[in-house]
Amino acid sequence: MDEEQPLTQHRNVSSQIIHLALCLERTHQSTMAAPGGTLNCEDFSMFQEVLKVMRTIDDRIVHALNTTVPTVSFSGKVDATQTCKQLYESLMEAHLSRDKAIKSCIAQTSEVVGQLREERAKDSENLALIKQLRKEQTKLKLMQSELNVEEVVNDRSLKIFKERCRIHYTPPKVK
């Protein structure tokens, strides 16, 4: 009976972590969406805050792996292959979701910058317009830099994942 209790607890924790990862992703996707279903990219501070929340799964990967991937003593009692596969799929979904959100905001902001440039070409003396253009250009550069941050976060998470799950699960090759 004592031997079954840690196994049951381990399975419960594993299920909870995977469920949490999936719930977090759904929450992050709805957090980025405005009432009309499009991303709200106007406020860069809010954009960064939402990305921070969306990166929770990556920030907690070590904890997730420690609580879901069995040690040698539990390796025969828990399906580490399935656990690693589910965690990998959650990671990939999170990475794809964030990449899509960042690129969507970059596209929206680029469009605004383009429109402001056209307006400035017609009215090059308008200081308010020039100020707004610079503000939008700065925001665009900051959003583009988030792609670099995203690459670092993703690489770190995948490295940690591979270190812990390499003997249990091999992710499919990306084309």
C-alpha atoms as a PDB file:
ATOM      1  CA  MET A   1       0.000   0.000   0.000  1.00  0.00           C
ATOM      2  CA  ASP A   2       2.812   2.428   0.861  1.00  0.00           C
ATOM      3  CA  GLU A   3       4.397   1.694  -2.509  1.00  0.00           C
ATOM      4  CA  GLU A   4       1.159   2.599  -4.339  1.00  0.00           C
ATOM      5  CA  GLN A   5       0.710   5.955  -2.572  1.00  0.00           C
ATOM      6  CA  PRO A   6       3.796   7.698  -4.080  1.00  0.00           C
ATOM      7  CA  LEU A   7       2.836   6.330  -7.500  1.00  0.00           C
ATOM      8  CA  THR A   8      -0.700   7.723  -7.195  1.00  0.00           C
ATOM      9  CA  GLN A   9       0.607  11.066  -5.934  1.00  0.00           C
ATOM     10  CA  HIS A  10       3.126  11.208  -8.796  1.00  0.00           C
ATOM     11  CA  ARG A  11       0.404  10.537 -11.381  1.00  0.00           C
ATOM     12  CA  ASN A  12      -1.840  13.187  -9.819  1.00  0.00           C
ATOM     13  CA  VAL A  13       0.940  15.779  -9.861  1.00  0.00           C
ATOM     14  CA  SER A  14       1.802  14.830 -13.442  1.00  0.00           C
ATOM     15  CA  SER A  15      -1.806  15.269 -14.545  1.00  0.00           C
ATOM     16  CA  GLN A  16      -2.103  18.554 -12.667  1.00  0.00           C
ATOM     17  CA  ILE A  17       1.044  20.004 -14.267  1.00  0.00           C
ATOM     18  CA  ILE A  18      -0.057  19.076 -17.767  1.00  0.00           C
ATOM     19  CA  HIS A  19      -3.576  20.367 -17.103  1.00  0.00           C
ATOM     20  CA  LEU A  20      -2.108  23.597 -15.707  1.00  0.00           C
ATOM     21  CA  ALA A  21       0.073  24.045 -18.795  1.00  0.00           C
ATOM     22  CA  LEU A  22      -2.897  23.626 -21.121  1.00  0.00           C
ATOM     23  CA  CYS A  23      -5.102  25.943 -19.035  1.00  0.00           C
ATOM     24  CA  LEU A  24      -2.360  28.568 -18.919  1.00  0.00           C
ATOM     25  CA  GLU A  25      -2.059  28.472 -22.690  1.00  0.00           C
ATOM     26  CA  ARG A  26      -5.806  28.925 -23.177  1.00  0.00           C
ATOM     27  CA  THR A  27      -5.781  31.783 -20.660  1.00  0.00           C
ATOM     28  CA  HIS A  28      -2.828  33.444 -22.395  1.00  0.00           C
ATOM     29  CA  GLN A  29      -4.505  33.226 -25.770  1.00  0.00           C
ATOM     30  CA  SER A  30      -7.684  34.835 -24.438  1.00  0.00           C
ATOM     31  CA  THR A  31      -5.666  37.465 -22.540  1.00  0.00           C
ATOM     32  CA  MET A  32      -4.011  38.629 -25.768  1.00  0.00           C
ATOM     33  CA  ALA A  33      -7.331  38.899 -27.548  1.00  0.00           C
ATOM     34  CA  ALA A  34      -9.384  42.043 -27.550  1.00  0.00           C
ATOM     35  CA  PRO A  35     -13.204  41.783 -27.544  1.00  0.00           C
ATOM     36  CA  GLY A  36     -13.189  41.620 -31.346  1.00  0.00           C
ATOM     37  CA  GLY A  37     -10.857  38.614 -31.345  1.00  0.00           C
ATOM     38  CA  THR A  38      -7.816  40.514 -32.618  1.00  0.00           C
ATOM     39  CA  LEU A  39      -4.669  41.144 -30.631  1.00  0.00           C
ATOM     40  CA  ASN A  40      -4.330  44.397 -28.736  1.00  0.00           C
ATOM     41  CA  CYS A  41      -0.842  45.598 -29.556  1.00  0.00           C
ATOM     42  CA  GLU A  42      -1.221  49.299 -28.880  1.00  0.00           C
ATOM     43  CA  ASP A  43       0.141  49.325 -25.313  1.00  0.00           C
ATOM     44  CA  PHE A  44       3.673  47.883 -25.276  1.00  0.00           C
ATOM     45  CA  SER A  45       3.714  47.521 -21.478  1.00  0.00           C
ATOM     46  CA  MET A  46       0.571  45.389 -21.628  1.00  0.00           C
ATOM     47  CA  PHE A  47       2.041  43.446 -24.548  1.00  0.00           C
ATOM     48  CA  GLN A  48       5.131  42.632 -22.440  1.00  0.00           C
ATOM     49  CA  GLU A  49       3.001  41.709 -19.424  1.00  0.00           C
ATOM     50  CA  VAL A  50       0.941  39.272 -21.481  1.00  0.00           C
ATOM     51  CA  LEU A  51       4.121  37.720 -22.912  1.00  0.00           C
ATOM     52  CA  LYS A  52       5.459  37.326 -19.377  1.00  0.00           C
ATOM     53  CA  VAL A  53       2.318  35.422 -18.400  1.00  0.00           C
ATOM     54  CA  MET A  54       2.483  33.367 -21.595  1.00  0.00           C
ATOM     55  CA  ARG A  55       6.077  32.378 -20.747  1.00  0.00           C
ATOM     56  CA  THR A  56       5.036  30.823 -17.431  1.00  0.00           C
ATOM     57  CA  ILE A  57       5.318  27.284 -18.804  1.00  0.00           C
ATOM     58  CA  ASP A  58       8.904  27.969 -19.892  1.00  0.00           C
ATOM     59  CA  ASP A  59       9.778  29.633 -16.597  1.00  0.00           C
ATOM     60  CA  ARG A  60       8.514  26.611 -14.670  1.00  0.00           C
ATOM     61  CA  ILE A  61       9.852  23.834 -16.867  1.00  0.00           C
ATOM     62  CA  VAL A  62      12.423  22.647 -14.320  1.00  0.00           C
ATOM     63  CA  HIS A  63       9.708  22.302 -11.693  1.00  0.00           C
ATOM     64  CA  ALA A  64       7.381  20.606 -14.169  1.00  0.00           C
ATOM     65  CA  LEU A  65      10.063  18.102 -15.159  1.00  0.00           C
ATOM     66  CA  ASN A  66      11.048  17.434 -11.549  1.00  0.00           C
ATOM     67  CA  THR A  67       7.443  16.705 -10.577  1.00  0.00           C
ATOM     68  CA  THR A  68       6.370  14.789 -13.681  1.00  0.00           C
ATOM     69  CA  VAL A  69       9.369  12.852 -14.998  1.00  0.00           C
ATOM     70  CA  PRO A  70      10.153   9.949 -12.694  1.00  0.00           C
ATOM     71  CA  THR A  71      13.465   9.306 -11.046  1.00  0.00           C
ATOM     72  CA  VAL A  72      15.142   5.927 -11.527  1.00  0.00           C
ATOM     73  CA  SER A  73      13.256   4.481  -8.539  1.00  0.00           C
ATOM     74  CA  PHE A  74       9.879   5.354 -10.097  1.00  0.00           C
ATOM     75  CA  SER A  75      10.815   4.781 -13.730  1.00  0.00           C
ATOM     76  CA  GLY A  76       8.986   1.461 -13.964  1.00  0.00           C
ATOM     77  CA  LYS A  77       5.807   2.775 -12.340  1.00  0.00           C
ATOM     78  CA  VAL A  78       5.099   5.917 -14.357  1.00  0.00           C
ATOM     79  CA  ASP A  79       4.817   6.338 -18.119  1.00  0.00           C
ATOM     80  CA  ALA A  80       7.618   8.857 -18.576  1.00  0.00           C
ATOM     81  CA  THR A  81       7.335   8.651 -22.361  1.00  0.00           C
ATOM     82  CA  GLN A  82       3.740   9.882 -22.312  1.00  0.00           C
ATOM     83  CA  THR A  83       4.505  12.526 -19.687  1.00  0.00           C
ATOM     84  CA  CYS A  84       7.449  13.888 -21.671  1.00  0.00           C
ATOM     85  CA  LYS A  85       5.431  13.806 -24.887  1.00  0.00           C
ATOM     86  CA  GLN A  86       2.577  15.791 -23.309  1.00  0.00           C
ATOM     87  CA  LEU A  87       4.972  18.315 -21.824  1.00  0.00           C
ATOM     88  CA  TYR A  88       6.745  18.700 -25.175  1.00  0.00           C
ATOM     89  CA  GLU A  89       3.437  19.246 -26.955  1.00  0.00           C
ATOM     90  CA  SER A  90       2.452  21.868 -24.353  1.00  0.00           C
ATOM     91  CA  LEU A  91       5.796  23.615 -24.825  1.00  0.00           C
ATOM     92  CA  MET A  92       5.461  23.622 -28.605  1.00  0.00           C
ATOM     93  CA  GLU A  93       1.910  24.958 -28.385  1.00  0.00           C
ATOM     94  CA  ALA A  94       3.079  27.734 -26.041  1.00  0.00           C
ATOM     95  CA  HIS A  95       6.036  28.617 -28.285  1.00  0.00           C
ATOM     96  CA  LEU A  96       3.860  28.711 -31.395  1.00  0.00           C
ATOM     97  CA  SER A  97       1.197  30.783 -29.667  1.00  0.00           C
ATOM     98  CA  ARG A  98       3.701  33.378 -28.471  1.00  0.00           C
ATOM     99  CA  ASP A  99       5.472  33.512 -31.831  1.00  0.00           C
ATOM    100  CA  LYS A 100       2.159  34.087 -33.579  1.00  0.00           C
ATOM    101  CA  ALA A 101       1.168  36.809 -31.064  1.00  0.00           C
ATOM    102  CA  ILE A 102       4.485  38.644 -31.381  1.00  0.00           C
ATOM    103  CA  LYS A 103       4.514  38.492 -35.187  1.00  0.00           C
ATOM    104  CA  SER A 104       0.910  39.649 -35.347  1.00  0.00           C
ATOM    105  CA  CYS A 105       1.701  42.691 -33.206  1.00  0.00           C
ATOM    106  CA  ILE A 106       4.792  43.419 -35.295  1.00  0.00           C
ATOM    107  CA  ALA A 107       2.660  43.323 -38.461  1.00  0.00           C
ATOM    108  CA  GLN A 108       0.023  45.620 -36.944  1.00  0.00           C
ATOM    109  CA  THR A 109       2.592  48.101 -35.674  1.00  0.00           C
ATOM    110  CA  SER A 110       4.475  48.016 -39.000  1.00  0.00           C
ATOM    111  CA  GLU A 111       1.245  48.935 -40.741  1.00  0.00           C
ATOM    112  CA  VAL A 112       0.736  51.893 -38.378  1.00  0.00           C
ATOM    113  CA  VAL A 113       4.348  53.027 -38.965  1.00  0.00           C
ATOM    114  CA  GLY A 114       3.787  52.813 -42.738  1.00  0.00           C
ATOM    115  CA  GLN A 115       0.620  54.908 -42.509  1.00  0.00           C
ATOM    116  CA  LEU A 116       2.351  57.513 -40.340  1.00  0.00           C
ATOM    117  CA  ARG A 117       5.253  57.700 -42.809  1.00  0.00           C
ATOM    118  CA  GLU A 118       2.801  58.381 -45.641  1.00  0.00           C
ATOM    119  CA  GLU A 119       1.159  61.122 -43.581  1.00  0.00           C
ATOM    120  CA  ARG A 120       4.543  62.629 -42.728  1.00  0.00           C
ATOM    121  CA  ALA A 121       5.467  62.678 -46.424  1.00  0.00           C
ATOM    122  CA  LYS A 122       2.379  64.834 -47.029  1.00  0.00           C
ATOM    123  CA  ASP A 123       2.878  67.022 -43.938  1.00  0.00           C
ATOM    124  CA  SER A 124       6.562  67.022 -42.942  1.00  0.00           C
ATOM    125  CA  GLU A 125       6.170  70.032 -40.595  1.00  0.00           C
ATOM    126  CA  ASN A 126       3.608  68.404 -38.282  1.00  0.00           C
ATOM    127  CA  LEU A 127       5.525  67.889 -35.014  1.00  0.00           C
ATOM    128  CA  ALA A 128       2.772  65.843 -33.364  1.00  0.00           C
ATOM    129  CA  LEU A 129       2.804  63.472 -36.322  1.00  0.00           C
ATOM    130  CA  ILE A 130       6.609  63.168 -36.225  1.00  0.00           C
ATOM    131  CA  LYS A 131       6.471  62.469 -32.484  1.00  0.00           C
ATOM    132  CA  GLN A 132       3.794  59.790 -32.981  1.00  0.00           C
ATOM    133  CA  LEU A 133       5.839  58.197 -35.785  1.00  0.00           C
ATOM    134  CA  ARG A 134       8.943  58.004 -33.575  1.00  0.00           C
ATOM    135  CA  LYS A 135       6.886  56.499 -30.764  1.00  0.00           C
ATOM    136  CA  GLU A 136       5.476  53.820 -33.067  1.00  0.00           C
ATOM    137  CA  GLN A 137       8.915  53.112 -34.570  1.00  0.00           C
ATOM    138  CA  THR A 138      10.349  52.618 -31.068  1.00  0.00           C
ATOM    139  CA  LYS A 139       7.483  50.296 -30.164  1.00  0.00           C
ATOM    140  CA  LEU A 140       8.081  48.335 -33.375  1.00  0.00           C
ATOM    141  CA  LYS A 141      11.790  47.906 -32.556  1.00  0.00           C
ATOM    142  CA  LEU A 142      10.920  46.731 -29.037  1.00  0.00           C
ATOM    143  CA  MET A 143       8.425  44.214 -30.400  1.00  0.00           C
ATOM    144  CA  GLN A 144      10.997  42.957 -32.895  1.00  0.00           C
ATOM    145  CA  SER A 145      13.473  42.504 -30.043  1.00  0.00           C
ATOM    146  CA  GLU A 146      10.894  40.269 -28.329  1.00  0.00           C
ATOM    147  CA  LEU A 147      11.473  37.757 -31.129  1.00  0.00           C
ATOM    148  CA  ASN A 148      15.104  37.493 -29.962  1.00  0.00           C
ATOM    149  CA  VAL A 149      13.987  37.092 -26.354  1.00  0.00           C
ATOM    150  CA  GLU A 150      11.562  34.420 -27.495  1.00  0.00           C
ATOM    151  CA  GLU A 151      14.339  32.519 -29.252  1.00  0.00           C
ATOM    152  CA  VAL A 152      16.457  32.512 -26.075  1.00  0.00           C
ATOM    153  CA  VAL A 153      13.505  31.412 -23.901  1.00  0.00           C
ATOM    154  CA  ASN A 154      12.581  28.624 -26.329  1.00  0.00           C
ATOM    155  CA  ASP A 155      16.174  27.382 -26.655  1.00  0.00           C
ATOM    156  CA  ARG A 156      16.594  27.302 -22.868  1.00  0.00           C
ATOM    157  CA  SER A 157      13.351  25.370 -22.362  1.00  0.00           C
ATOM    158  CA  LEU A 158      14.142  22.843 -25.073  1.00  0.00           C
ATOM    159  CA  LYS A 159      17.651  22.315 -23.709  1.00  0.00           C
ATOM    160  CA  ILE A 160      16.275  21.588 -20.230  1.00  0.00           C
ATOM    161  CA  PHE A 161      13.562  19.376 -21.714  1.00  0.00           C
ATOM    162  CA  LYS A 162      16.089  17.353 -23.724  1.00  0.00           C
ATOM    163  CA  GLU A 163      18.356  16.897 -20.699  1.00  0.00           C
ATOM    164  CA  ARG A 164      15.534  15.362 -18.643  1.00  0.00           C
ATOM    165  CA  CYS A 165      13.466  13.604 -21.289  1.00  0.00           C
ATOM    166  CA  ARG A 166      16.044  12.435 -23.831  1.00  0.00           C
ATOM    167  CA  ILE A 167      15.901   8.812 -22.636  1.00  0.00           C
ATOM    168  CA  HIS A 168      12.087   8.814 -22.411  1.00  0.00           C
ATOM    169  CA  TYR A 169      10.927  10.715 -25.494  1.00  0.00           C
ATOM    170  CA  THR A 170      12.450  11.936 -28.739  1.00  0.00           C
ATOM    171  CA  PRO A 171      10.493  14.796 -30.336  1.00  0.00           C
ATOM    172  CA  PRO A 172       9.693  14.528 -34.039  1.00  0.00           C
ATOM    173  CA  LYS A 173      12.157  16.192 -36.382  1.00  0.00           C
ATOM    174  CA  VAL A 174      11.084  19.660 -37.464  1.00  0.00           C
ATOM    175  CA  LYS A 175      11.060  20.077 -41.239  1.00  0.00           C
END
